[in-house]
């Protein structure tokens, strides 16, 4: 029997700024074979507006999807690890990762 994967949606909030910052880097288009994007790209004010101070204005709206399990071969795993998620356990072939809210992201 396959493990059930539970996903949830929630409103984005000020605490999601590090997630939005990381997703801005991930969203930059790179042709195959290109070098990874430098995080210094985030110093550009044209990109900072997508994440800096998110949630401070009443019209800042976003939705965050969360899921209980991560496939260990998924490229998203590295993103989760950079955001402070740690391996909690296994559910079938899926890795469960967790991040304690309020922890700093480097």
N, C-alpha and C. Protein backbone atom coordinates (compact mmCIF):
# COMPACT_ATOMS: atom_id res chain seq x y z
N UNK A 1 0.84 -1.17 0.00
CA UNK A 1 0.00 0.00 0.00
C UNK A 1 0.89 1.25 0.00
N UNK A 2 0.57 2.20 -0.89
CA UNK A 2 1.36 3.42 -0.96
C UNK A 2 1.06 4.34 0.20
N UNK A 3 2.08 5.07 0.61
CA UNK A 3 1.89 6.04 1.69
C UNK A 3 1.06 7.21 1.18
N UNK A 4 0.20 7.73 2.02
CA UNK A 4 -0.62 8.88 1.67
C UNK A 4 0.21 10.14 1.88
N UNK A 5 0.19 11.02 0.88
CA UNK A 5 0.92 12.28 0.98
C UNK A 5 -0.10 13.38 1.24
N UNK A 6 0.04 14.06 2.35
CA UNK A 6 -0.89 15.12 2.72
C UNK A 6 -0.29 16.46 2.33
N UNK A 7 -1.07 17.23 1.59
CA UNK A 7 -0.67 18.58 1.23
C UNK A 7 -1.68 19.55 1.81
N UNK A 8 -1.19 20.72 2.16
CA UNK A 8 -2.05 21.75 2.73
C UNK A 8 -1.69 23.09 2.10
N UNK A 9 -2.67 23.99 2.05
CA UNK A 9 -2.44 25.36 1.61
C UNK A 9 -2.64 26.28 2.80
N UNK A 10 -1.82 27.33 2.86
CA UNK A 10 -1.99 28.33 3.90
C UNK A 10 -1.63 29.68 3.31
N UNK A 11 -2.11 30.73 3.97
CA UNK A 11 -1.77 32.08 3.54
C UNK A 11 -0.29 32.34 3.82
N UNK A 12 0.38 32.98 2.87
CA UNK A 12 1.76 33.39 3.08
C UNK A 12 1.76 34.57 4.06
N UNK A 13 2.87 34.71 4.79
CA UNK A 13 2.96 35.79 5.77
C UNK A 13 4.39 36.31 5.83
N UNK A 14 4.64 37.26 6.70
CA UNK A 14 5.97 37.88 6.81
C UNK A 14 7.08 36.86 7.05
N UNK A 15 6.78 35.82 7.77
CA UNK A 15 7.79 34.80 8.08
C UNK A 15 8.22 34.02 6.84
N UNK A 16 7.49 34.16 5.74
CA UNK A 16 7.83 33.45 4.51
C UNK A 16 8.82 34.20 3.63
N UNK A 17 9.31 35.35 4.08
CA UNK A 17 10.25 36.12 3.27
C UNK A 17 11.47 35.29 2.84
N UNK A 18 12.10 34.50 3.72
CA UNK A 18 13.24 33.68 3.26
C UNK A 18 12.83 32.67 2.17
N UNK A 19 11.64 32.12 2.28
CA UNK A 19 11.15 31.19 1.25
C UNK A 19 10.97 31.93 -0.07
N UNK A 20 10.37 33.11 -0.03
CA UNK A 20 10.18 33.88 -1.25
C UNK A 20 11.51 34.29 -1.87
N UNK A 21 12.48 34.62 -1.03
CA UNK A 21 13.81 34.96 -1.51
C UNK A 21 14.44 33.77 -2.24
N UNK A 22 14.38 32.59 -1.62
CA UNK A 22 14.94 31.38 -2.24
C UNK A 22 14.21 31.03 -3.53
N UNK A 23 12.91 31.20 -3.54
CA UNK A 23 12.14 30.88 -4.74
C UNK A 23 12.44 31.87 -5.87
N UNK A 24 12.79 33.12 -5.53
CA UNK A 24 13.18 34.08 -6.55
C UNK A 24 14.43 33.62 -7.26
N UNK A 25 15.41 33.10 -6.51
CA UNK A 25 16.63 32.55 -7.12
C UNK A 25 16.28 31.35 -8.00
N UNK A 26 15.43 30.46 -7.50
CA UNK A 26 15.07 29.26 -8.25
C UNK A 26 14.30 29.59 -9.53
N UNK A 27 13.60 30.73 -9.55
CA UNK A 27 12.75 31.09 -10.69
C UNK A 27 13.54 31.70 -11.84
N UNK A 28 14.80 32.05 -11.61
CA UNK A 28 15.61 32.65 -12.68
C UNK A 28 15.88 31.58 -13.74
N UNK A 29 15.54 31.91 -14.99
CA UNK A 29 15.73 30.96 -16.09
C UNK A 29 17.21 30.82 -16.43
N UNK A 30 17.65 29.59 -16.53
CA UNK A 30 19.02 29.29 -16.95
C UNK A 30 18.98 28.25 -18.06
N UNK A 31 19.60 28.53 -19.19
CA UNK A 31 19.68 27.51 -20.23
C UNK A 31 20.48 26.31 -19.73
N UNK A 32 20.24 25.14 -20.29
CA UNK A 32 20.98 23.94 -19.90
C UNK A 32 22.48 24.20 -19.99
N UNK A 33 23.21 23.72 -18.99
CA UNK A 33 24.66 23.85 -18.96
C UNK A 33 25.15 25.16 -18.37
N UNK A 34 24.26 26.04 -17.96
CA UNK A 34 24.66 27.32 -17.36
C UNK A 34 25.17 27.12 -15.94
N UNK A 35 26.00 28.05 -15.49
CA UNK A 35 26.44 28.05 -14.10
C UNK A 35 25.25 28.41 -13.21
N UNK A 36 25.26 27.94 -11.97
CA UNK A 36 24.17 28.31 -11.04
C UNK A 36 24.11 29.82 -10.83
N UNK A 37 22.94 30.29 -10.48
CA UNK A 37 22.74 31.72 -10.22
C UNK A 37 23.44 32.10 -8.92
N UNK A 38 24.14 33.22 -8.96
CA UNK A 38 24.77 33.74 -7.74
C UNK A 38 23.71 34.40 -6.88
N UNK A 39 23.78 34.16 -5.58
CA UNK A 39 22.82 34.79 -4.67
C UNK A 39 23.01 36.30 -4.61
N UNK A 40 24.13 36.81 -5.12
CA UNK A 40 24.33 38.26 -5.16
C UNK A 40 23.31 38.91 -6.09
N UNK A 41 22.71 38.12 -6.95
CA UNK A 41 21.64 38.60 -7.82
C UNK A 41 20.50 39.21 -6.98
N UNK A 42 20.35 38.72 -5.75
CA UNK A 42 19.28 39.20 -4.89
C UNK A 42 19.49 40.62 -4.38
N UNK A 43 20.68 41.18 -4.63
CA UNK A 43 20.94 42.57 -4.25
C UNK A 43 20.29 43.55 -5.22
N UNK A 44 19.86 43.06 -6.36
CA UNK A 44 19.24 43.90 -7.38
C UNK A 44 17.85 44.33 -6.90
N UNK A 45 17.60 45.64 -6.77
CA UNK A 45 16.30 46.12 -6.28
C UNK A 45 15.12 45.64 -7.13
N UNK A 46 15.38 45.38 -8.43
CA UNK A 46 14.29 44.89 -9.29
C UNK A 46 13.83 43.50 -8.87
N UNK A 47 14.70 42.73 -8.23
CA UNK A 47 14.31 41.40 -7.74
C UNK A 47 13.90 41.45 -6.27
N UNK A 48 14.54 42.31 -5.49
CA UNK A 48 14.22 42.39 -4.06
C UNK A 48 12.75 42.71 -3.82
N UNK A 49 12.14 43.44 -4.74
CA UNK A 49 10.74 43.83 -4.55
C UNK A 49 9.80 42.63 -4.50
N UNK A 50 10.27 41.47 -4.97
CA UNK A 50 9.43 40.28 -4.96
C UNK A 50 9.36 39.61 -3.59
N UNK A 51 10.30 39.92 -2.71
CA UNK A 51 10.29 39.23 -1.41
C UNK A 51 10.55 40.14 -0.22
N UNK A 52 11.30 41.21 -0.39
CA UNK A 52 11.67 42.05 0.75
C UNK A 52 10.45 42.75 1.35
N UNK A 53 10.22 42.53 2.63
CA UNK A 53 9.11 43.17 3.31
C UNK A 53 7.75 42.58 2.99
N UNK A 54 7.75 41.39 2.38
CA UNK A 54 6.47 40.77 2.03
C UNK A 54 5.57 40.68 3.26
N UNK A 55 4.32 41.01 3.09
CA UNK A 55 3.35 40.92 4.17
C UNK A 55 3.16 42.23 4.91
N UNK A 56 3.98 43.24 4.60
CA UNK A 56 3.86 44.52 5.30
C UNK A 56 2.69 45.35 4.77
N UNK A 57 2.31 45.10 3.53
CA UNK A 57 1.21 45.85 2.93
C UNK A 57 -0.06 45.01 2.92
N UNK A 58 -1.22 45.63 3.09
CA UNK A 58 -2.47 44.86 3.14
C UNK A 58 -2.77 44.10 1.84
N UNK A 59 -2.22 44.58 0.71
CA UNK A 59 -2.49 43.89 -0.55
C UNK A 59 -1.43 42.84 -0.90
N UNK A 60 -0.51 42.55 0.01
CA UNK A 60 0.44 41.45 -0.18
C UNK A 60 -0.31 40.14 0.04
N UNK A 61 -0.45 39.37 -1.02
CA UNK A 61 -1.21 38.12 -0.94
C UNK A 61 -0.37 37.00 -1.53
N UNK A 62 -0.38 35.88 -0.86
CA UNK A 62 0.33 34.70 -1.36
C UNK A 62 -0.21 33.45 -0.69
N UNK A 63 0.07 32.33 -1.32
CA UNK A 63 -0.34 31.03 -0.80
C UNK A 63 0.88 30.12 -0.77
N UNK A 64 1.04 29.39 0.30
CA UNK A 64 2.14 28.44 0.45
C UNK A 64 1.55 27.04 0.54
N UNK A 65 2.08 26.15 -0.28
CA UNK A 65 1.66 24.74 -0.21
C UNK A 65 2.69 23.99 0.60
N UNK A 66 2.23 23.16 1.51
CA UNK A 66 3.12 22.32 2.30
C UNK A 66 2.76 20.87 2.06
N UNK A 67 3.74 20.02 2.15
CA UNK A 67 3.54 18.59 1.95
C UNK A 67 4.33 17.85 3.00
N UNK A 68 3.80 16.68 3.42
CA UNK A 68 4.45 15.90 4.47
C UNK A 68 5.71 15.19 3.98
N UNK A 69 5.85 14.88 2.73
CA UNK A 69 6.97 14.01 2.30
C UNK A 69 7.75 14.60 1.15
N UNK A 70 9.11 14.31 1.03
CA UNK A 70 9.96 14.77 -0.05
C UNK A 70 10.64 13.56 -0.67
N UNK A 71 10.65 13.47 -2.00
CA UNK A 71 11.37 12.40 -2.68
C UNK A 71 12.85 12.73 -2.55
N UNK A 72 13.68 11.82 -2.04
CA UNK A 72 15.10 12.14 -1.80
C UNK A 72 15.86 12.47 -3.08
N UNK A 73 15.37 12.05 -4.24
CA UNK A 73 16.06 12.36 -5.50
C UNK A 73 15.62 13.70 -6.08
N UNK A 74 14.63 14.33 -5.49
CA UNK A 74 14.09 15.59 -6.02
C UNK A 74 15.09 16.73 -5.84
N UNK A 75 15.25 17.56 -6.90
CA UNK A 75 16.10 18.74 -6.76
C UNK A 75 15.57 19.70 -5.69
N UNK A 76 14.29 19.62 -5.39
CA UNK A 76 13.69 20.48 -4.37
C UNK A 76 14.28 20.17 -2.99
N UNK A 77 14.81 18.97 -2.82
CA UNK A 77 15.39 18.60 -1.52
C UNK A 77 16.47 19.60 -1.11
N UNK A 78 17.33 19.99 -2.06
CA UNK A 78 18.40 20.95 -1.76
C UNK A 78 17.82 22.29 -1.33
N UNK A 79 16.72 22.70 -1.98
CA UNK A 79 16.07 23.94 -1.59
C UNK A 79 15.56 23.84 -0.16
N UNK A 80 14.88 22.75 0.16
CA UNK A 80 14.37 22.57 1.52
C UNK A 80 15.51 22.60 2.53
N UNK A 81 16.63 21.94 2.21
CA UNK A 81 17.76 21.92 3.14
C UNK A 81 18.34 23.32 3.33
N UNK A 82 18.43 24.11 2.24
CA UNK A 82 18.93 25.49 2.36
C UNK A 82 17.99 26.33 3.21
N UNK A 83 16.71 25.98 3.23
CA UNK A 83 15.73 26.72 4.02
C UNK A 83 15.64 26.23 5.45
N UNK A 84 16.50 25.28 5.82
CA UNK A 84 16.55 24.84 7.20
C UNK A 84 15.77 23.58 7.51
N UNK A 85 15.21 22.92 6.49
CA UNK A 85 14.51 21.66 6.73
C UNK A 85 15.54 20.56 7.01
N UNK A 86 15.19 19.65 7.90
CA UNK A 86 16.07 18.52 8.22
C UNK A 86 15.30 17.22 8.06
N UNK A 87 16.04 16.16 7.81
CA UNK A 87 15.46 14.84 7.62
C UNK A 87 14.86 14.35 8.94
N UNK A 88 13.60 13.93 8.88
CA UNK A 88 12.91 13.45 10.08
C UNK A 88 12.72 11.94 10.05
N UNK A 89 12.47 11.40 8.88
CA UNK A 89 12.23 9.96 8.78
C UNK A 89 11.82 9.58 7.37
N UNK A 90 11.46 8.33 7.21
CA UNK A 90 11.06 7.80 5.91
C UNK A 90 9.61 7.36 5.94
N UNK A 91 8.92 7.56 4.84
CA UNK A 91 7.56 7.05 4.65
C UNK A 91 7.58 6.37 3.28
N UNK A 92 7.75 5.06 3.28
CA UNK A 92 7.96 4.34 2.02
C UNK A 92 9.28 4.79 1.43
N UNK A 93 9.25 5.28 0.18
CA UNK A 93 10.47 5.77 -0.45
C UNK A 93 10.59 7.29 -0.37
N UNK A 94 9.68 7.92 0.35
CA UNK A 94 9.71 9.38 0.49
C UNK A 94 10.32 9.80 1.81
N UNK A 95 11.12 10.84 1.74
CA UNK A 95 11.77 11.38 2.92
C UNK A 95 10.86 12.43 3.54
N UNK A 96 10.67 12.36 4.83
CA UNK A 96 9.92 13.40 5.54
C UNK A 96 10.93 14.38 6.10
N UNK A 97 10.70 15.67 5.79
CA UNK A 97 11.57 16.73 6.27
C UNK A 97 10.72 17.71 7.06
N UNK A 98 11.35 18.36 8.01
CA UNK A 98 10.63 19.29 8.88
C UNK A 98 11.52 20.49 9.16
N UNK A 99 10.88 21.63 9.34
CA UNK A 99 11.61 22.83 9.76
C UNK A 99 10.85 23.46 10.92
N UNK A 100 11.55 23.72 11.98
CA UNK A 100 10.93 24.37 13.12
C UNK A 100 10.67 25.82 12.78
N UNK A 101 9.44 26.29 12.96
CA UNK A 101 9.12 27.68 12.65
C UNK A 101 9.88 28.60 13.59
N UNK A 102 10.28 29.72 13.03
CA UNK A 102 10.99 30.71 13.82
C UNK A 102 12.50 30.52 13.82
N UNK A 103 13.00 29.48 13.15
CA UNK A 103 14.44 29.28 13.08
C UNK A 103 15.01 30.13 11.96
N UNK A 104 16.20 30.65 12.16
CA UNK A 104 16.84 31.51 11.16
C UNK A 104 17.31 30.69 9.97
N UNK A 105 17.25 31.29 8.81
CA UNK A 105 17.75 30.69 7.57
C UNK A 105 18.98 31.46 7.15
N UNK A 106 20.03 30.76 6.82
CA UNK A 106 21.28 31.43 6.39
C UNK A 106 21.40 31.40 4.91
